[in-house]
PDB file of N, CA and C in Angstrom:
ATOM      1  N   MET A   1    -103.487  99.455-189.744  1.00  0.00           N
ATOM      2  CA  MET A   1    -103.504 100.894-189.930  1.00  0.00           C
ATOM      3  C   MET A   1    -104.589 101.542-189.075  1.00  0.00           C
ATOM      4  N   ALA A   2    -105.733 100.880-188.980  1.00  0.00           N
ATOM      5  CA  ALA A   2    -106.835 101.454-188.224  1.00  0.00           C
ATOM      6  C   ALA A   2    -106.503 101.563-186.735  1.00  0.00           C
ATOM      7  N   ALA A   3    -105.677 100.648-186.234  1.00  0.00           N
ATOM      8  CA  ALA A   3    -105.320 100.679-184.817  1.00  0.00           C
ATOM      9  C   ALA A   3    -104.416 101.866-184.502  1.00  0.00           C
ATOM     10  N   ARG A   4    -103.665 102.361-185.481  1.00  0.00           N
ATOM     11  CA  ARG A   4    -102.748 103.461-185.241  1.00  0.00           C
ATOM     12  C   ARG A   4    -103.405 104.819-185.409  1.00  0.00           C
ATOM     13  N   ALA A   5    -104.539 104.883-186.015  1.00  0.00           N
ATOM     14  CA  ALA A   5    -105.192 106.164-186.282  1.00  0.00           C
ATOM     15  C   ALA A   5    -105.531 106.931-185.005  1.00  0.00           C
ATOM     16  N   PRO A   6    -106.102 106.296-183.963  1.00  0.00           N
ATOM     17  CA  PRO A   6    -106.416 107.070-182.759  1.00  0.00           C
ATOM     18  C   PRO A   6    -105.185 107.675-182.090  1.00  0.00           C
ATOM     19  N   VAL A   7    -104.051 106.978-182.127  1.00  0.00           N
ATOM     20  CA  VAL A   7    -102.829 107.506-181.526  1.00  0.00           C
ATOM     21  C   VAL A   7    -102.380 108.749-182.280  1.00  0.00           C
ATOM     22  N   ALA A   8    -102.395 108.684-183.584  1.00  0.00           N
ATOM     23  CA  ALA A   8    -101.991 109.830-184.391  1.00  0.00           C
ATOM     24  C   ALA A   8    -102.943 110.997-184.165  1.00  0.00           C
ATOM     25  N   THR A   9    -104.213 110.714-184.081  1.00  0.00           N
ATOM     26  CA  THR A   9    -105.196 111.753-183.837  1.00  0.00           C
ATOM     27  C   THR A   9    -104.983 112.377-182.462  1.00  0.00           C
ATOM     28  N   GLY A  10    -104.677 111.543-181.466  1.00  0.00           N
ATOM     29  CA  GLY A  10    -104.430 112.054-180.117  1.00  0.00           C
ATOM     30  C   GLY A  10    -103.216 112.953-180.066  1.00  0.00           C
ATOM     31  N   ARG A  11    -102.138 112.557-180.746  1.00  0.00           N
ATOM     32  CA  ARG A  11    -100.930 113.387-180.778  1.00  0.00           C
ATOM     33  C   ARG A  11    -101.189 114.684-181.526  1.00  0.00           C
ATOM     34  N   LEU A  12    -101.963 114.598-182.591  1.00  0.00           N
ATOM     35  CA  LEU A  12    -102.297 115.797-183.362  1.00  0.00           C
ATOM     36  C   LEU A  12    -103.106 116.761-182.511  1.00  0.00           C
ATOM     37  N   MET A  13    -104.083 116.245-181.786  1.00  0.00           N
ATOM     38  CA  MET A  13    -104.907 117.107-180.934  1.00  0.00           C
ATOM     39  C   MET A  13    -104.081 117.711-179.801  1.00  0.00           C
ATOM     40  N   LEU A  14    -103.169 116.938-179.222  1.00  0.00           N
ATOM     41  CA  LEU A  14    -102.303 117.462-178.168  1.00  0.00           C
ATOM     42  C   LEU A  14    -101.433 118.592-178.714  1.00  0.00           C
ATOM     43  N   GLY A  15    -100.897 118.402-179.900  1.00  0.00           N
ATOM     44  CA  GLY A  15    -100.105 119.453-180.539  1.00  0.00           C
ATOM     45  C   GLY A  15    -100.932 120.693-180.795  1.00  0.00           C
ATOM     46  N   PHE A  16    -102.166 120.511-181.246  1.00  0.00           N
ATOM     47  CA  PHE A  16    -103.061 121.646-181.488  1.00  0.00           C
ATOM     48  C   PHE A  16    -103.380 122.365-180.181  1.00  0.00           C
ATOM     49  N   ARG A  17    -103.632 121.604-179.108  1.00  0.00           N
ATOM     50  CA  ARG A  17    -103.926 122.215-177.809  1.00  0.00           C
ATOM     51  C   ARG A  17    -102.758 123.052-177.309  1.00  0.00           C
ATOM     52  N   LYS A  18    -101.547 122.507-177.429  1.00  0.00           N
ATOM     53  CA  LYS A  18    -100.358 123.255-177.006  1.00  0.00           C
ATOM     54  C   LYS A  18    -100.197 124.524-177.832  1.00  0.00           C
ATOM     55  N   TRP A  19    -100.391 124.417-179.144  1.00  0.00           N
ATOM     56  CA  TRP A  19    -100.274 125.580-180.018  1.00  0.00           C
ATOM     57  C   TRP A  19    -101.292 126.650-179.630  1.00  0.00           C
ATOM     58  N   TYR A  20    -102.536 126.240-179.433  1.00  0.00           N
ATOM     59  CA  TYR A  20    -103.590 127.200-179.079  1.00  0.00           C
ATOM     60  C   TYR A  20    -103.338 127.804-177.696  1.00  0.00           C
ATOM     61  N   TYR A  21    -102.850 127.000-176.746  1.00  0.00           N
ATOM     62  CA  TYR A  21    -102.534 127.468-175.398  1.00  0.00           C
ATOM     63  C   TYR A  21    -101.514 128.601-175.472  1.00  0.00           C
ATOM     64  N   ASN A  22    -100.481 128.415-176.281  1.00  0.00           N
ATOM     65  CA  ASN A  22     -99.463 129.456-176.425  1.00  0.00           C
ATOM     66  C   ASN A  22     -99.974 130.642-177.217  1.00  0.00           C
ATOM     67  N   LEU A  23    -100.890 130.412-178.139  1.00  0.00           N
ATOM     68  CA  LEU A  23    -101.445 131.488-178.949  1.00  0.00           C
ATOM     69  C   LEU A  23    -102.297 132.443-178.117  1.00  0.00           C
ATOM     70  N   CYS A  24    -102.988 131.915-177.110  1.00  0.00           N
ATOM     71  CA  CYS A  24    -103.863 132.747-176.283  1.00  0.00           C
ATOM     72  C   CYS A  24    -103.101 133.866-175.577  1.00  0.00           C
ATOM     73  N   GLY A  25    -101.886 133.609-175.142  1.00  0.00           N
ATOM     74  CA  GLY A  25    -101.044 134.657-174.593  1.00  0.00           C
ATOM     75  C   GLY A  25    -101.082 134.838-173.093  1.00  0.00           C
ATOM     76  N   PHE A  26    -102.085 134.302-172.415  1.00  0.00           N
ATOM     77  CA  PHE A  26    -102.151 134.499-170.967  1.00  0.00           C
ATOM     78  C   PHE A  26    -100.994 133.817-170.253  1.00  0.00           C
ATOM     79  N   ASN A  27    -100.441 132.769-170.861  1.00  0.00           N
ATOM     80  CA  ASN A  27     -99.311 132.069-170.246  1.00  0.00           C
ATOM     81  C   ASN A  27     -98.055 132.939-170.240  1.00  0.00           C
ATOM     82  N   LYS A  28     -97.956 133.873-171.168  1.00  0.00           N
ATOM     83  CA  LYS A  28     -96.799 134.767-171.234  1.00  0.00           C
ATOM     84  C   LYS A  28     -96.804 135.773-170.092  1.00  0.00           C
ATOM     85  N   LEU A  29     -97.958 135.929-169.456  1.00  0.00           N
ATOM     86  CA  LEU A  29     -98.082 136.808-168.299  1.00  0.00           C
ATOM     87  C   LEU A  29     -98.042 136.026-166.994  1.00  0.00           C
ATOM     88  N   GLY A  30     -97.875 134.705-167.091  1.00  0.00           N
ATOM     89  CA  GLY A  30     -97.808 133.871-165.901  1.00  0.00           C
ATOM     90  C   GLY A  30     -99.154 133.426-165.389  1.00  0.00           C
ATOM     91  N   LEU A  31    -100.205 133.632-166.181  1.00  0.00           N
ATOM     92  CA  LEU A  31    -101.548 133.232-165.763  1.00  0.00           C
ATOM     93  C   LEU A  31    -101.819 131.783-166.135  1.00  0.00           C
ATOM     94  N   MET A  32    -102.749 131.177-165.417  1.00  0.00           N
ATOM     95  CA  MET A  32    -103.256 129.853-165.760  1.00  0.00           C
ATOM     96  C   MET A  32    -104.631 130.032-166.397  1.00  0.00           C
ATOM     97  N   ARG A  33    -105.112 128.994-167.043  1.00  0.00           N
ATOM     98  CA  ARG A  33    -106.409 129.092-167.734  1.00  0.00           C
ATOM     99  C   ARG A  33    -107.525 129.467-166.775  1.00  0.00           C
ATOM    100  N   ASP A  34    -107.531 128.876-165.579  1.00  0.00           N
ATOM    101  CA  ASP A  34    -108.600 129.171-164.623  1.00  0.00           C
ATOM    102  C   ASP A  34    -108.541 130.607-164.093  1.00  0.00           C
ATOM    103  N   ASP A  35    -107.399 131.283-164.253  1.00  0.00           N
ATOM    104  CA  ASP A  35    -107.298 132.689-163.847  1.00  0.00           C
ATOM    105  C   ASP A  35    -108.066 133.594-164.801  1.00  0.00           C
ATOM    106  N   THR A  36    -108.367 133.108-165.993  1.00  0.00           N
ATOM    107  CA  THR A  36    -108.986 133.953-167.022  1.00  0.00           C
ATOM    108  C   THR A  36    -110.500 133.769-167.112  1.00  0.00           C
ATOM    109  N   ILE A  37    -111.070 132.935-166.262  1.00  0.00           N
ATOM    110  CA  ILE A  37    -112.520 132.703-166.305  1.00  0.00           C
ATOM    111  C   ILE A  37    -113.245 133.958-165.811  1.00  0.00           C
ATOM    112  N   ILE A  38    -114.251 134.380-166.553  1.00  0.00           N
ATOM    113  CA  ILE A  38    -115.036 135.559-166.177  1.00  0.00           C
ATOM    114  C   ILE A  38    -115.805 135.253-164.898  1.00  0.00           C
ATOM    115  N   GLU A  39    -115.769 136.188-163.955  1.00  0.00           N
ATOM    116  CA  GLU A  39    -116.368 135.948-162.647  1.00  0.00           C
ATOM    117  C   GLU A  39    -117.867 136.247-162.669  1.00  0.00           C
ATOM    118  N   ASP A  40    -118.659 135.186-162.652  1.00  0.00           N
ATOM    119  CA  ASP A  40    -120.099 135.314-162.449  1.00  0.00           C
ATOM    120  C   ASP A  40    -120.399 134.785-161.047  1.00  0.00           C
ATOM    121  N   ALA A  41    -121.667 134.614-160.718  1.00  0.00           N
ATOM    122  CA  ALA A  41    -122.037 134.178-159.366  1.00  0.00           C
ATOM    123  C   ALA A  41    -121.457 132.806-159.024  1.00  0.00           C
ATOM    124  N   ASP A  42    -121.479 131.882-159.989  1.00  0.00           N
ATOM    125  CA  ASP A  42    -120.945 130.541-159.744  1.00  0.00           C
ATOM    126  C   ASP A  42    -119.439 130.579-159.503  1.00  0.00           C
ATOM    127  N   VAL A  43    -118.729 131.357-160.299  1.00  0.00           N
ATOM    128  CA  VAL A  43    -117.276 131.448-160.157  1.00  0.00           C
ATOM    129  C   VAL A  43    -116.922 132.111-158.826  1.00  0.00           C
ATOM    130  N   LYS A  44    -117.670 133.136-158.440  1.00  0.00           N
ATOM    131  CA  LYS A  44    -117.402 133.801-157.157  1.00  0.00           C
ATOM    132  C   LYS A  44    -117.576 132.830-155.992  1.00  0.00           C
ATOM    133  N   GLU A  45    -118.585 131.985-156.068  1.00  0.00           N
ATOM    134  CA  GLU A  45    -118.786 130.993-155.008  1.00  0.00           C
ATOM    135  C   GLU A  45    -117.665 129.964-155.012  1.00  0.00           C
ATOM    136  N   ALA A  46    -117.231 129.548-156.200  1.00  0.00           N
ATOM    137  CA  ALA A  46    -116.123 128.600-156.286  1.00  0.00           C
ATOM    138  C   ALA A  46    -114.838 129.222-155.739  1.00  0.00           C
ATOM    139  N   LEU A  47    -114.612 130.497-156.015  1.00  0.00           N
ATOM    140  CA  LEU A  47    -113.439 131.194-155.480  1.00  0.00           C
ATOM    141  C   LEU A  47    -113.494 131.278-153.957  1.00  0.00           C
ATOM    142  N   ARG A  48    -114.686 131.483-153.433  1.00  0.00           N
ATOM    143  CA  ARG A  48    -114.846 131.558-151.986  1.00  0.00           C
ATOM    144  C   ARG A  48    -114.483 130.228-151.321  1.00  0.00           C
ATOM    145  N   ARG A  49    -114.676 129.127-152.030  1.00  0.00           N
ATOM    146  CA  ARG A  49    -114.411 127.796-151.482  1.00  0.00           C
ATOM    147  C   ARG A  49    -112.946 127.357-151.635  1.00  0.00           C
ATOM    148  N   LEU A  50    -112.168 128.107-152.387  1.00  0.00           N
ATOM    149  CA  LEU A  50    -110.763 127.737-152.582  1.00  0.00           C
ATOM    150  C   LEU A  50    -109.993 127.800-151.269  1.00  0.00           C
ATOM    151  N   PRO A  51    -108.996 126.931-151.098  1.00  0.00           N
ATOM    152  CA  PRO A  51    -108.102 127.074-149.944  1.00  0.00           C
ATOM    153  C   PRO A  51    -107.376 128.423-150.018  1.00  0.00           C
ATOM    154  N   GLU A  52    -107.050 128.978-148.890  1.00  0.00           N
ATOM    155  CA  GLU A  52    -106.465 130.320-148.846  1.00  0.00           C
ATOM    156  C   GLU A  52    -105.171 130.427-149.652  1.00  0.00           C
ATOM    157  N   ARG A  53    -104.315 129.424-149.575  1.00  0.00           N
ATOM    158  CA  ARG A  53    -103.048 129.464-150.298  1.00  0.00           C
ATOM    159  C   ARG A  53    -103.287 129.513-151.807  1.00  0.00           C
ATOM    160  N   VAL A  54    -104.211 128.713-152.300  1.00  0.00           N
ATOM    161  CA  VAL A  54    -104.516 128.679-153.733  1.00  0.00           C
ATOM    162  C   VAL A  54    -105.111 130.013-154.169  1.00  0.00           C
ATOM    163  N   TYR A  55    -105.994 130.576-153.349  1.00  0.00           N
ATOM    164  CA  TYR A  55    -106.596 131.879-153.663  1.00  0.00           C
ATOM    165  C   TYR A  55    -105.525 132.970-153.702  1.00  0.00           C
ATOM    166  N   ASN A  56    -104.606 132.957-152.740  1.00  0.00           N
ATOM    167  CA  ASN A  56    -103.537 133.958-152.704  1.00  0.00           C
ATOM    168  C   ASN A  56    -102.601 133.819-153.909  1.00  0.00           C
ATOM    169  N   ASP A  57    -102.314 132.593-154.310  1.00  0.00           N
ATOM    170  CA  ASP A  57    -101.496 132.367-155.509  1.00  0.00           C
ATOM    171  C   ASP A  57    -102.194 132.942-156.741  1.00  0.00           C
ATOM    172  N   ARG A  58    -103.483 132.739-156.824  1.00  0.00           N
ATOM    173  CA  ARG A  58    -104.269 133.265-157.949  1.00  0.00           C
ATOM    174  C   ARG A  58    -104.206 134.787-157.983  1.00  0.00           C
ATOM    175  N   MET A  59    -104.391 135.405-156.826  1.00  0.00           N
ATOM    176  CA  MET A  59    -104.369 136.865-156.769  1.00  0.00           C
ATOM    177  C   MET A  59    -102.985 137.405-157.131  1.00  0.00           C
ATOM    178  N   PHE A  60    -101.925 136.716-156.707  1.00  0.00           N
ATOM    179  CA  PHE A  60    -100.574 137.143-157.072  1.00  0.00           C
ATOM    180  C   PHE A  60    -100.388 137.098-158.583  1.00  0.00           C
ATOM    181  N   ARG A  61    -100.818 135.994-159.208  1.00  0.00           N
ATOM    182  CA  ARG A  61    -100.666 135.868-160.661  1.00  0.00           C
ATOM    183  C   ARG A  61    -101.442 136.957-161.395  1.00  0.00           C
ATOM    184  N   ILE A  62    -102.653 137.247-160.933  1.00  0.00           N
ATOM    185  CA  ILE A  62    -103.471 138.264-161.593  1.00  0.00           C
ATOM    186  C   ILE A  62    -102.856 139.647-161.427  1.00  0.00           C
ATOM    187  N   LYS A  63    -102.391 139.978-160.229  1.00  0.00           N
ATOM    188  CA  LYS A  63    -101.770 141.296-160.005  1.00  0.00           C
ATOM    189  C   LYS A  63    -100.485 141.442-160.815  1.00  0.00           C
ATOM    190  N   ARG A  64     -99.686 140.377-160.874  1.00  0.00           N
ATOM    191  CA  ARG A  64     -98.460 140.419-161.665  1.00  0.00           C
ATOM    192  C   ARG A  64     -98.798 140.614-163.144  1.00  0.00           C
ATOM    193  N   ALA A  65     -99.829 139.920-163.630  1.00  0.00           N
ATOM    194  CA  ALA A  65    -100.235 140.055-165.036  1.00  0.00           C
ATOM    195  C   ALA A  65    -100.732 141.468-165.332  1.00  0.00           C
ATOM    196  N   LEU A  66    -101.484 142.054-164.415  1.00  0.00           N
ATOM    197  CA  LEU A  66    -101.939 143.431-164.609  1.00  0.00           C
ATOM    198  C   LEU A  66    -100.762 144.393-164.667  1.00  0.00           C
ATOM    199  N   ASP A  67     -99.791 144.202-163.778  1.00  0.00           N
ATOM    200  CA  ASP A  67     -98.606 145.052-163.762  1.00  0.00           C
ATOM    201  C   ASP A  67     -97.827 144.923-165.070  1.00  0.00           C
ATOM    202  N   LEU A  68     -97.619 143.688-165.520  1.00  0.00           N
ATOM    203  CA  LEU A  68     -96.910 143.467-166.774  1.00  0.00           C
ATOM    204  C   LEU A  68     -97.664 144.065-167.953  1.00  0.00           C
ATOM    205  N   SER A  69     -98.979 143.944-167.931  1.00  0.00           N
ATOM    206  CA  SER A  69     -99.796 144.467-169.011  1.00  0.00           C
ATOM    207  C   SER A  69     -99.702 145.996-169.069  1.00  0.00           C
ATOM    208  N   MET A  70     -99.730 146.640-167.906  1.00  0.00           N
ATOM    209  CA  MET A  70     -99.623 148.099-167.878  1.00  0.00           C
ATOM    210  C   MET A  70     -98.252 148.559-168.375  1.00  0.00           C
ATOM    211  N   LYS A  71     -97.223 147.778-168.104  1.00  0.00           N
ATOM    212  CA  LYS A  71     -95.873 148.109-168.551  1.00  0.00           C
ATOM    213  C   LYS A  71     -95.613 147.644-169.984  1.00  0.00           C
ATOM    214  N   GLN A  72     -96.602 146.969-170.581  1.00  0.00           N
ATOM    215  CA  GLN A  72     -96.506 146.393-171.924  1.00  0.00           C
ATOM    216  C   GLN A  72     -95.286 145.480-172.028  1.00  0.00           C
ATOM    217  N   GLN A  73     -95.162 144.576-171.045  1.00  0.00           N
ATOM    218  CA  GLN A  73     -94.070 143.619-170.999  1.00  0.00           C
ATOM    219  C   GLN A  73     -94.651 142.223-170.839  1.00  0.00           C
ATOM    220  N   ILE A  74     -93.798 141.221-171.048  1.00  0.00           N
ATOM    221  CA  ILE A  74     -94.153 139.842-170.752  1.00  0.00           C
ATOM    222  C   ILE A  74     -93.042 139.250-169.893  1.00  0.00           C
ATOM    223  N   LEU A  75     -93.325 138.114-169.280  1.00  0.00           N
ATOM    224  CA  LEU A  75     -92.328 137.437-168.458  1.00  0.00           C
ATOM    225  C   LEU A  75     -91.231 136.835-169.328  1.00  0.00           C
ATOM    226  N   PRO A  76     -90.055 136.595-168.751  1.00  0.00           N
ATOM    227  CA  PRO A  76     -89.050 135.828-169.490  1.00  0.00           C
ATOM    228  C   PRO A  76     -89.612 134.442-169.834  1.00  0.00           C
ATOM    229  N   LYS A  77     -89.193 133.886-170.951  1.00  0.00           N
ATOM    230  CA  LYS A  77     -89.779 132.644-171.459  1.00  0.00           C
ATOM    231  C   LYS A  77     -89.730 131.503-170.444  1.00  0.00           C
ATOM    232  N   GLU A  78     -88.692 131.427-169.615  1.00  0.00           N
ATOM    233  CA  GLU A  78     -88.601 130.338-168.637  1.00  0.00           C
ATOM    234  C   GLU A  78     -89.637 130.473-167.524  1.00  0.00           C
ATOM    235  N   GLN A  79     -90.277 131.632-167.392  1.00  0.00           N
ATOM    236  CA  GLN A  79     -91.304 131.824-166.369  1.00  0.00           C
ATOM    237  C   GLN A  79     -92.724 131.705-166.923  1.00  0.00           C
ATOM    238  N   TRP A  80     -92.867 131.504-168.226  1.00  0.00           N
ATOM    239  CA  TRP A  80     -94.195 131.328-168.804  1.00  0.00           C
ATOM    240  C   TRP A  80     -94.842 130.079-168.229  1.00  0.00           C
ATOM    241  N   THR A  81     -96.155 130.103-168.100  1.00  0.00           N
ATOM    242  CA  THR A  81     -96.888 128.920-167.686  1.00  0.00           C
ATOM    243  C   THR A  81     -96.896 127.944-168.856  1.00  0.00           C
ATOM    244  N   LYS A  82     -96.483 126.715-168.599  1.00  0.00           N
ATOM    245  CA  LYS A  82     -96.407 125.705-169.649  1.00  0.00           C
ATOM    246  C   LYS A  82     -97.672 124.855-169.655  1.00  0.00           C
ATOM    247  N   TYR A  83     -98.043 124.394-170.827  1.00  0.00           N
ATOM    248  CA  TYR A  83     -99.241 123.577-170.976  1.00  0.00           C
ATOM    249  C   TYR A  83     -99.177 122.345-170.085  1.00  0.00           C
ATOM    250  N   GLU A  84     -98.011 121.730-170.005  1.00  0.00           N
ATOM    251  CA  GLU A  84     -97.844 120.516-169.208  1.00  0.00           C
ATOM    252  C   GLU A  84     -97.987 120.790-167.711  1.00  0.00           C
ATOM    253  N   GLU A  85     -97.717 122.020-167.281  1.00  0.00           N
ATOM    254  CA  GLU A  85     -97.786 122.382-165.861  1.00  0.00           C
ATOM    255  C   GLU A  85     -99.143 122.962-165.480  1.00  0.00           C
ATOM    256  N   GLU A  86    -100.038 123.096-166.440  1.00  0.00           N
ATOM    257  CA  GLU A  86    -101.348 123.690-166.174  1.00  0.00           C
ATOM    258  C   GLU A  86    -102.089 122.891-165.115  1.00  0.00           C
ATOM    259  N   ASP A  87    -102.597 123.603-164.128  1.00  0.00           N
ATOM    260  CA  ASP A  87    -103.334 122.990-163.031  1.00  0.00           C
ATOM    261  C   ASP A  87    -104.725 123.615-163.007  1.00  0.00           C
ATOM    262  N   PHE A  88    -105.731 122.835-163.302  1.00  0.00           N
ATOM    263  CA  PHE A  88    -107.099 123.345-163.307  1.00  0.00           C
ATOM    264  C   PHE A  88    -107.613 123.357-161.868  1.00  0.00           C
ATOM    265  N   TYR A  89    -107.114 124.312-161.103  1.00  0.00           N
ATOM    266  CA  TYR A  89    -107.390 124.372-159.666  1.00  0.00           C
ATOM    267  C   TYR A  89    -108.820 124.795-159.356  1.00  0.00           C
ATOM    268  N   LEU A  90    -109.439 125.573-160.208  1.00  0.00           N
ATOM    269  CA  LEU A  90    -110.778 126.089-159.935  1.00  0.00           C
ATOM    270  C   LEU A  90    -111.878 125.188-160.495  1.00  0.00           C
ATOM    271  N   THR A  91    -111.585 124.434-161.511  1.00  0.00           N
ATOM    272  CA  THR A  91    -112.585 123.635-162.212  1.00  0.00           C
ATOM    273  C   THR A  91    -113.358 122.677-161.303  1.00  0.00           C
ATOM    274  N   PRO A  92    -112.709 121.913-160.410  1.00  0.00           N
ATOM    275  CA  PRO A  92    -113.492 121.003-159.553  1.00  0.00           C
ATOM    276  C   PRO A  92    -114.474 121.755-158.646  1.00  0.00           C
ATOM    277  N   TYR A  93    -114.039 122.886-158.112  1.00  0.00           N
ATOM    278  CA  TYR A  93    -114.921 123.684-157.251  1.00  0.00           C
ATOM    279  C   TYR A  93    -116.072 124.266-158.065  1.00  0.00           C
ATOM    280  N   LEU A  94    -115.773 124.738-159.263  1.00  0.00           N
ATOM    281  CA  LEU A  94    -116.801 125.318-160.122  1.00  0.00           C
ATOM    282  C   LEU A  94    -117.828 124.275-160.544  1.00  0.00           C
ATOM    283  N   GLU A  95    -117.363 123.087-160.890  1.00  0.00           N
ATOM    284  CA  GLU A  95    -118.297 122.016-161.260  1.00  0.00           C
ATOM    285  C   GLU A  95    -119.202 121.655-160.090  1.00  0.00           C
ATOM    286  N   GLU A  96    -118.651 121.640-158.884  1.00  0.00           N
ATOM    287  CA  GLU A  96    -119.447 121.341-157.693  1.00  0.00           C
ATOM    288  C   GLU A  96    -120.507 122.417-157.452  1.00  0.00           C
ATOM    289  N   VAL A  97    -120.130 123.684-157.600  1.00  0.00           N
ATOM    290  CA  VAL A  97    -121.074 124.791-157.405  1.00  0.00           C
ATOM    291  C   VAL A  97    -122.194 124.714-158.432  1.00  0.00           C
ATOM    292  N   ILE A  98    -121.852 124.462-159.681  1.00  0.00           N
ATOM    293  CA  ILE A  98    -122.868 124.375-160.734  1.00  0.00           C
ATOM    294  C   ILE A  98    -123.801 123.200-160.484  1.00  0.00           C
ATOM    295  N   ARG A  99    -123.229 122.061-160.083  1.00  0.00           N
ATOM    296  CA  ARG A  99    -124.052 120.887-159.777  1.00  0.00           C
ATOM    297  C   ARG A  99    -125.012 121.200-158.628  1.00  0.00           C
ATOM    298  N   GLU A 100    -124.527 121.867-157.577  1.00  0.00           N
ATOM    299  CA  GLU A 100    -125.384 122.226-156.447  1.00  0.00           C
ATOM    300  C   GLU A 100    -126.471 123.210-156.856  1.00  0.00           C
ATOM    301  N   ARG A 101    -126.123 124.179-157.715  1.00  0.00           N
ATOM    302  CA  ARG A 101    -127.124 125.149-158.176  1.00  0.00           C
ATOM    303  C   ARG A 101    -128.201 124.462-159.000  1.00  0.00           C
ATOM    304  N   ASN A 102    -127.789 123.552-159.892  1.00  0.00           N
ATOM    305  CA  ASN A 102    -128.768 122.821-160.707  1.00  0.00           C
ATOM    306  C   ASN A 102    -129.673 121.964-159.832  1.00  0.00           C
ATOM    307  N   GLU A 103    -129.097 121.342-158.823  1.00  0.00           N
ATOM    308  CA  GLU A 103    -129.875 120.518-157.897  1.00  0.00           C
ATOM    309  C   GLU A 103    -130.884 121.395-157.131  1.00  0.00           C
ATOM    310  N   LYS A 104    -130.450 122.551-156.705  1.00  0.00           N
ATOM    311  CA  LYS A 104    -131.334 123.467-155.981  1.00  0.00           C
ATOM    312  C   LYS A 104    -132.483 123.944-156.882  1.00  0.00           C
ATOM    313  N   GLU A 105    -132.156 124.229-158.144  1.00  0.00           N
ATOM    314  CA  GLU A 105    -133.191 124.646-159.092  1.00  0.00           C
ATOM    315  C   GLU A 105    -134.210 123.538-159.323  1.00  0.00           C
ATOM    316  N   GLU A 106    -133.739 122.299-159.378  1.00  0.00           N
ATOM    317  CA  GLU A 106    -134.644 121.164-159.528  1.00  0.00           C
ATOM    318  C   GLU A 106    -135.578 121.056-158.318  1.00  0.00           C
ATOM    319  N   TRP A 107    -135.041 121.262-157.128  1.00  0.00           N
ATOM    320  CA  TRP A 107    -135.875 121.193-155.919  1.00  0.00           C
ATOM    321  C   TRP A 107    -136.892 122.327-155.896  1.00  0.00           C
ATOM    322  N   MET A 108    -136.502 123.500-156.391  1.00  0.00           N
ATOM    323  CA  MET A 108    -137.426 124.645-156.381  1.00  0.00           C
ATOM    324  C   MET A 108    -138.573 124.450-157.384  1.00  0.00           C
ATOM    325  N   LYS A 109    -138.358 123.637-158.419  1.00  0.00           N
ATOM    326  CA  LYS A 109    -139.420 123.374-159.406  1.00  0.00           C
ATOM    327  C   LYS A 109    -140.523 122.503-158.808  1.00  0.00           C
ATOM    328  N   LYS A 110    -140.149 121.667-157.830  1.00  0.00           N
ATOM    329  CA  LYS A 110    -141.124 120.712-157.295  1.00  0.00           C
ATOM    330  C   LYS A 110    -142.066 121.369-156.315  1.00  0.00           C
TER     331      LYS A 110
END
């Protein structure tokens, strides 16, 4: 029984993540999770480092979401962003920027 507990817990957590992902609502506008990150200095630097195609895709999704929001509409269900298709495109760049900033701060202390 103890060997099966982690599997059940993992499936339960995956179900909870999917439920919460759909509850947030940004997927109904065609946005991805990384599109909703508040832009501070680190995020702006990470955005600057994105490949042009990825940046343009992000801007399209944001503009489409703003348009839908102003019209008080959502996308058809088949166009919603699905949890399984979520691509954390900004996260690796953001982690790199934060790591570099922390490293720079450490050097400035010395």
